């Protein structure tokens, strides 16, 4: 089921979400993620979250390594439990 951006924001507020992980795969298919605060989510949907891909294995073009990661409100919303300690 596709969800809207406002439904995702409402879910985050109702469930007291402390941080959000934006997951993606590198060129080898290994999962990577970037954690953002809930206050950054709207920007992640609309403008993307800036990150430097030069630190990723296999990314060879350092001059073009500044990338944007966009949140996808339609797929993949999961609540991950947090372990204390």
Foldseek 3Di string as FASTA:
>chain_A
DFDDPVVVLVVCVVVVPAKDWQWDADPVRDIDTDIDGSVCQVCLAPPFDWDFQPPPPPPDPNVPRTDGHHDGRTDDDDDDDDDDD
